Amino acid sequence: MPTVTITKEQSEFTATTHDHCGQGRTVGEAIDSLLEQGVTMPIFLRQLGGDQFFTQEQIDRKRELRQRLETLSTEERAEYQALLGAELDATQARLKAAFR
């Protein structure tokens, strides 16, 4: 699947595909610039570390539970499901913030 790379230099974001480049004051504007050039592909924003939407502690706990998925207690399985839901909520919140 083609990818979009987002970079930030000083006060401007750049969204780059293999053959297009868009720029803007926000991530949303940079992606909009790609769309205006006719780029049509799914775009997923992936957070590599914790942030205000999903903390590093939540990431670490989800990873630890996932590694033991087959042996989780009922309580741990519920915690894991709750973390998956929180991660999805965080992704939606991050997208909304990116397009402001």
C-alpha atoms as a PDB file:
ATOM      1  CA  MET A   1       0.000   0.000   0.000  1.00  0.00           C
ATOM      2  CA  PRO A   2       1.367   3.466  -0.835  1.00  0.00           C
ATOM      3  CA  THR A   3       2.291   5.605   2.138  1.00  0.00           C
ATOM      4  CA  VAL A   4       2.111   9.277   3.006  1.00  0.00           C
ATOM      5  CA  THR A   5       4.975  10.652   5.048  1.00  0.00           C
ATOM      6  CA  ILE A   6       4.323  13.717   7.191  1.00  0.00           C
ATOM      7  CA  THR A   7       7.243  15.898   8.217  1.00  0.00           C
ATOM      8  CA  LYS A   8       7.419  19.242   9.980  1.00  0.00           C
ATOM      9  CA  GLU A   9       9.954  21.928   9.295  1.00  0.00           C
ATOM     10  CA  GLN A  10       9.661  25.032  11.438  1.00  0.00           C
ATOM     11  CA  SER A  11       6.014  26.083  11.063  1.00  0.00           C
ATOM     12  CA  GLU A  12       5.020  24.064   7.984  1.00  0.00           C
ATOM     13  CA  PHE A  13       3.977  20.443   7.490  1.00  0.00           C
ATOM     14  CA  THR A  14       4.810  18.491   4.339  1.00  0.00           C
ATOM     15  CA  ALA A  15       2.833  15.432   3.208  1.00  0.00           C
ATOM     16  CA  THR A  16       4.726  13.337   0.660  1.00  0.00           C
ATOM     17  CA  THR A  17       3.776  10.314  -1.441  1.00  0.00           C
ATOM     18  CA  HIS A  18       5.978   8.612  -4.008  1.00  0.00           C
ATOM     19  CA  ASP A  19       5.073  11.234  -6.639  1.00  0.00           C
ATOM     20  CA  HIS A  20       3.222  14.084  -4.895  1.00  0.00           C
ATOM     21  CA  CYS A  21       4.061  16.652  -2.240  1.00  0.00           C
ATOM     22  CA  GLY A  22       1.640  18.868  -0.324  1.00  0.00           C
ATOM     23  CA  GLN A  23       2.280  21.546   2.271  1.00  0.00           C
ATOM     24  CA  GLY A  24       0.302  23.380   4.898  1.00  0.00           C
ATOM     25  CA  ARG A  25       0.318  25.052   8.298  1.00  0.00           C
ATOM     26  CA  THR A  26      -1.274  21.929   9.825  1.00  0.00           C
ATOM     27  CA  VAL A  27      -1.207  18.196   9.087  1.00  0.00           C
ATOM     28  CA  GLY A  28      -4.755  18.537   7.777  1.00  0.00           C
ATOM     29  CA  GLU A  29      -3.802  21.306   5.359  1.00  0.00           C
ATOM     30  CA  ALA A  30      -0.837  19.288   4.067  1.00  0.00           C
ATOM     31  CA  ILE A  31      -3.077  16.262   3.461  1.00  0.00           C
ATOM     32  CA  ASP A  32      -5.748  18.483   1.871  1.00  0.00           C
ATOM     33  CA  SER A  33      -3.049  19.768  -0.477  1.00  0.00           C
ATOM     34  CA  LEU A  34      -2.392  16.182  -1.596  1.00  0.00           C
ATOM     35  CA  LEU A  35      -6.101  15.581  -2.129  1.00  0.00           C
ATOM     36  CA  GLU A  36      -6.321  18.730  -4.281  1.00  0.00           C
ATOM     37  CA  GLN A  37      -3.617  17.177  -6.490  1.00  0.00           C
ATOM     38  CA  GLY A  38      -5.822  14.151  -7.081  1.00  0.00           C
ATOM     39  CA  VAL A  39      -4.168  11.778  -4.607  1.00  0.00           C
ATOM     40  CA  THR A  40      -6.743   9.147  -3.648  1.00  0.00           C
ATOM     41  CA  MET A  41      -5.653   6.574  -1.086  1.00  0.00           C
ATOM     42  CA  PRO A  42      -6.540   5.695   2.479  1.00  0.00           C
ATOM     43  CA  ILE A  43      -4.554   7.769   4.939  1.00  0.00           C
ATOM     44  CA  PHE A  44      -3.916   6.424   8.444  1.00  0.00           C
ATOM     45  CA  LEU A  45      -2.218   8.560  11.065  1.00  0.00           C
ATOM     46  CA  ARG A  46      -0.025   6.370  13.223  1.00  0.00           C
ATOM     47  CA  GLN A  47       1.333   7.618  16.517  1.00  0.00           C
ATOM     48  CA  LEU A  48       4.699   6.078  17.369  1.00  0.00           C
ATOM     49  CA  GLY A  49       4.685   6.995  21.051  1.00  0.00           C
ATOM     50  CA  GLY A  50       2.332   8.130  23.745  1.00  0.00           C
ATOM     51  CA  ASP A  51       0.562  11.449  23.604  1.00  0.00           C
ATOM     52  CA  GLN A  52      -2.276  13.293  25.317  1.00  0.00           C
ATOM     53  CA  PHE A  53      -4.798  10.955  23.662  1.00  0.00           C
ATOM     54  CA  PHE A  54      -3.209   7.575  24.484  1.00  0.00           C
ATOM     55  CA  THR A  55      -0.311   7.556  26.941  1.00  0.00           C
ATOM     56  CA  GLN A  56       2.913   5.590  26.744  1.00  0.00           C
ATOM     57  CA  GLU A  57       1.775   3.710  29.855  1.00  0.00           C
ATOM     58  CA  GLN A  58      -1.380   2.601  28.019  1.00  0.00           C
ATOM     59  CA  ILE A  59       0.698   1.546  25.001  1.00  0.00           C
ATOM     60  CA  ASP A  60       3.040  -0.474  27.212  1.00  0.00           C
ATOM     61  CA  ARG A  61       0.193  -2.138  29.116  1.00  0.00           C
ATOM     62  CA  LYS A  62      -1.664  -3.046  25.910  1.00  0.00           C
ATOM     63  CA  ARG A  63       1.539  -4.534  24.477  1.00  0.00           C
ATOM     64  CA  GLU A  64       2.141  -6.559  27.653  1.00  0.00           C
ATOM     65  CA  LEU A  65      -1.420  -7.903  27.677  1.00  0.00           C
ATOM     66  CA  ARG A  66      -1.295  -8.698  23.952  1.00  0.00           C
ATOM     67  CA  GLN A  67       1.859 -10.782  24.485  1.00  0.00           C
ATOM     68  CA  ARG A  68      -0.055 -12.905  27.020  1.00  0.00           C
ATOM     69  CA  LEU A  69      -3.377 -12.887  25.178  1.00  0.00           C
ATOM     70  CA  GLU A  70      -3.934 -16.645  25.411  1.00  0.00           C
ATOM     71  CA  THR A  71      -3.471 -16.697  29.194  1.00  0.00           C
ATOM     72  CA  LEU A  72      -5.316 -13.540  30.284  1.00  0.00           C
ATOM     73  CA  SER A  73      -7.731 -13.681  33.183  1.00  0.00           C
ATOM     74  CA  THR A  74     -11.280 -12.411  32.687  1.00  0.00           C
ATOM     75  CA  GLU A  75     -10.307  -9.101  34.303  1.00  0.00           C
ATOM     76  CA  GLU A  76      -7.207  -8.737  32.157  1.00  0.00           C
ATOM     77  CA  ARG A  77      -9.180  -9.553  29.010  1.00  0.00           C
ATOM     78  CA  ALA A  78     -11.682  -6.809  29.926  1.00  0.00           C
ATOM     79  CA  GLU A  79      -8.783  -4.419  30.544  1.00  0.00           C
ATOM     80  CA  TYR A  80      -7.299  -5.325  27.157  1.00  0.00           C
ATOM     81  CA  GLN A  81     -10.637  -4.710  25.417  1.00  0.00           C
ATOM     82  CA  ALA A  82     -10.966  -1.369  27.216  1.00  0.00           C
ATOM     83  CA  LEU A  83      -7.474  -0.377  26.057  1.00  0.00           C
ATOM     84  CA  LEU A  84      -8.348  -1.284  22.462  1.00  0.00           C
ATOM     85  CA  GLY A  85     -11.423   0.942  22.718  1.00  0.00           C
ATOM     86  CA  ALA A  86      -9.385   3.747  24.257  1.00  0.00           C
ATOM     87  CA  GLU A  87      -6.827   3.445  21.459  1.00  0.00           C
ATOM     88  CA  LEU A  88      -9.565   3.743  18.841  1.00  0.00           C
ATOM     89  CA  ASP A  89     -11.012   6.772  20.644  1.00  0.00           C
ATOM     90  CA  ALA A  90      -7.510   8.281  20.752  1.00  0.00           C
ATOM     91  CA  THR A  91      -7.083   7.754  17.010  1.00  0.00           C
ATOM     92  CA  GLN A  92     -10.358   9.550  16.324  1.00  0.00           C
ATOM     93  CA  ALA A  93      -9.426  12.412  18.665  1.00  0.00           C
ATOM     94  CA  ARG A  94      -5.984  12.673  17.055  1.00  0.00           C
ATOM     95  CA  LEU A  95      -7.551  12.864  13.583  1.00  0.00           C
ATOM     96  CA  LYS A  96      -9.961  15.580  14.687  1.00  0.00           C
ATOM     97  CA  ALA A  97      -7.080  17.555  16.203  1.00  0.00           C
ATOM     98  CA  ALA A  98      -4.953  17.115  13.065  1.00  0.00           C
ATOM     99  CA  PHE A  99      -7.654  18.580  10.811  1.00  0.00           C
ATOM    100  CA  ARG A 100      -8.341  21.706  12.871  1.00  0.00           C
END
